[in-house]
Amino acid sequence: GIARKLAAPPACETPYAAKADKLPASLADALQALQADTALCSAFGQPFIDYFSQIKRQEIARYEAAQDKVDWQRREVFSRY
């Protein structure tokens, strides 16, 4: 928007309400959307997008393989904080 000098839309209380059905509902959906986003792929570079996507696909696989999903989340996510 800045490079093309686009005007910002008017402010509102719920900016994503109209697009809520279009937002990815899972990490897998988000990765697919990321791979399809030419602007982000161009900005970050395709090698980075591919590397990031591979890491996140491995995360999905570990989650799906976990018998105890809550324990997996504690180990994988909460341990980082």
C-alpha atoms as a PDB file:
ATOM      1  CA  GLY A   1       0.000   0.000   0.000  1.00  0.00           C
ATOM      2  CA  ILE A   2       2.796   2.427   0.844  1.00  0.00           C
ATOM      3  CA  ALA A   3       4.691   1.814  -2.396  1.00  0.00           C
ATOM      4  CA  ARG A   4       1.498   2.261  -4.406  1.00  0.00           C
ATOM      5  CA  LYS A   5       0.424   5.236  -2.248  1.00  0.00           C
ATOM      6  CA  LEU A   6      -2.946   3.704  -1.381  1.00  0.00           C
ATOM      7  CA  ALA A   7      -5.198   5.424   1.136  1.00  0.00           C
ATOM      8  CA  ALA A   8      -5.923   3.618   4.375  1.00  0.00           C
ATOM      9  CA  PRO A   9      -9.489   2.384   4.850  1.00  0.00           C
ATOM     10  CA  PRO A  10     -11.671   4.082   7.460  1.00  0.00           C
ATOM     11  CA  ALA A  11     -11.211   2.939  11.063  1.00  0.00           C
ATOM     12  CA  CYS A  12     -13.713   0.489  12.525  1.00  0.00           C
ATOM     13  CA  GLU A  13     -14.249  -1.584  15.684  1.00  0.00           C
ATOM     14  CA  THR A  14     -14.183  -4.992  13.973  1.00  0.00           C
ATOM     15  CA  PRO A  15     -11.744  -4.771  11.057  1.00  0.00           C
ATOM     16  CA  TYR A  16     -11.678  -8.512  10.318  1.00  0.00           C
ATOM     17  CA  ALA A  17     -15.351  -9.376  10.776  1.00  0.00           C
ATOM     18  CA  ALA A  18     -16.150  -9.270   7.068  1.00  0.00           C
ATOM     19  CA  LYS A  19     -13.140 -11.430   6.210  1.00  0.00           C
ATOM     20  CA  ALA A  20     -13.426 -13.919   9.081  1.00  0.00           C
ATOM     21  CA  ASP A  21     -14.657 -16.703   6.824  1.00  0.00           C
ATOM     22  CA  LYS A  22     -11.629 -16.166   4.563  1.00  0.00           C
ATOM     23  CA  LEU A  23      -8.986 -16.416   7.309  1.00  0.00           C
ATOM     24  CA  PRO A  24      -7.142 -19.753   7.591  1.00  0.00           C
ATOM     25  CA  ALA A  25      -8.655 -21.982  10.259  1.00  0.00           C
ATOM     26  CA  SER A  26      -5.572 -24.140  10.823  1.00  0.00           C
ATOM     27  CA  LEU A  27      -1.812 -24.013  10.556  1.00  0.00           C
ATOM     28  CA  ALA A  28      -1.974 -26.185   7.429  1.00  0.00           C
ATOM     29  CA  ASP A  29      -4.436 -23.762   5.817  1.00  0.00           C
ATOM     30  CA  ALA A  30      -2.240 -20.818   6.813  1.00  0.00           C
ATOM     31  CA  LEU A  31       0.821 -22.424   5.230  1.00  0.00           C
ATOM     32  CA  GLN A  32      -1.101 -23.015   2.037  1.00  0.00           C
ATOM     33  CA  ALA A  33      -2.189 -19.370   2.013  1.00  0.00           C
ATOM     34  CA  LEU A  34       1.389 -18.258   2.690  1.00  0.00           C
ATOM     35  CA  GLN A  35       2.730 -20.301  -0.223  1.00  0.00           C
ATOM     36  CA  ALA A  36       0.070 -18.744  -2.485  1.00  0.00           C
ATOM     37  CA  ASP A  37       0.767 -15.156  -1.374  1.00  0.00           C
ATOM     38  CA  THR A  38       3.032 -13.729  -4.050  1.00  0.00           C
ATOM     39  CA  ALA A  39       3.655 -10.505  -2.116  1.00  0.00           C
ATOM     40  CA  LEU A  40       4.951 -12.308   0.976  1.00  0.00           C
ATOM     41  CA  CYS A  41       6.941 -14.815  -1.077  1.00  0.00           C
ATOM     42  CA  SER A  42       8.553 -11.935  -2.921  1.00  0.00           C
ATOM     43  CA  ALA A  43       9.217  -9.897   0.227  1.00  0.00           C
ATOM     44  CA  PHE A  44      10.698 -12.741   2.286  1.00  0.00           C
ATOM     45  CA  GLY A  45      12.141 -14.719  -0.610  1.00  0.00           C
ATOM     46  CA  GLN A  46      10.978 -18.146  -1.729  1.00  0.00           C
ATOM     47  CA  PRO A  47      13.846 -20.008   0.020  1.00  0.00           C
ATOM     48  CA  PHE A  48      12.798 -18.560   3.396  1.00  0.00           C
ATOM     49  CA  ILE A  49       9.101 -19.315   2.779  1.00  0.00           C
ATOM     50  CA  ASP A  50       9.948 -22.901   1.819  1.00  0.00           C
ATOM     51  CA  TYR A  51      12.184 -23.353   4.888  1.00  0.00           C
ATOM     52  CA  PHE A  52       9.604 -21.851   7.261  1.00  0.00           C
ATOM     53  CA  SER A  53       6.831 -23.963   5.716  1.00  0.00           C
ATOM     54  CA  GLN A  54       8.869 -27.150   6.109  1.00  0.00           C
ATOM     55  CA  ILE A  55       9.481 -26.409   9.802  1.00  0.00           C
ATOM     56  CA  LYS A  56       5.769 -25.799  10.359  1.00  0.00           C
ATOM     57  CA  ARG A  57       4.802 -28.969   8.437  1.00  0.00           C
ATOM     58  CA  GLN A  58       7.069 -30.931  10.770  1.00  0.00           C
ATOM     59  CA  GLU A  59       5.333 -29.259  13.721  1.00  0.00           C
ATOM     60  CA  ILE A  60       1.955 -30.357  12.322  1.00  0.00           C
ATOM     61  CA  ALA A  61       3.231 -33.914  11.915  1.00  0.00           C
ATOM     62  CA  ARG A  62       4.535 -34.023  15.518  1.00  0.00           C
ATOM     63  CA  TYR A  63       1.202 -32.706  16.798  1.00  0.00           C
ATOM     64  CA  GLU A  64      -0.797 -35.248  14.792  1.00  0.00           C
ATOM     65  CA  ALA A  65       1.463 -38.083  15.987  1.00  0.00           C
ATOM     66  CA  ALA A  66       1.142 -37.107  19.665  1.00  0.00           C
ATOM     67  CA  GLN A  67      -1.184 -39.289  21.692  1.00  0.00           C
ATOM     68  CA  ASP A  68      -1.682 -36.591  24.317  1.00  0.00           C
ATOM     69  CA  LYS A  69      -2.234 -33.323  22.436  1.00  0.00           C
ATOM     70  CA  VAL A  70      -2.331 -31.200  25.615  1.00  0.00           C
ATOM     71  CA  ASP A  71       0.987 -32.613  26.809  1.00  0.00           C
ATOM     72  CA  TRP A  72       2.455 -31.992  23.363  1.00  0.00           C
ATOM     73  CA  GLN A  73       1.358 -28.350  23.517  1.00  0.00           C
ATOM     74  CA  ARG A  74       2.922 -27.955  26.948  1.00  0.00           C
ATOM     75  CA  ARG A  75       6.219 -29.383  25.740  1.00  0.00           C
ATOM     76  CA  GLU A  76       6.362 -27.723  22.319  1.00  0.00           C
ATOM     77  CA  VAL A  77       4.773 -24.343  22.941  1.00  0.00           C
ATOM     78  CA  PHE A  78       4.802 -23.453  26.615  1.00  0.00           C
ATOM     79  CA  SER A  79       8.408 -24.544  27.131  1.00  0.00           C
ATOM     80  CA  ARG A  80       9.476 -21.644  24.880  1.00  0.00           C
ATOM     81  CA  TYR A  81       8.102 -19.123  27.348  1.00  0.00           C
END
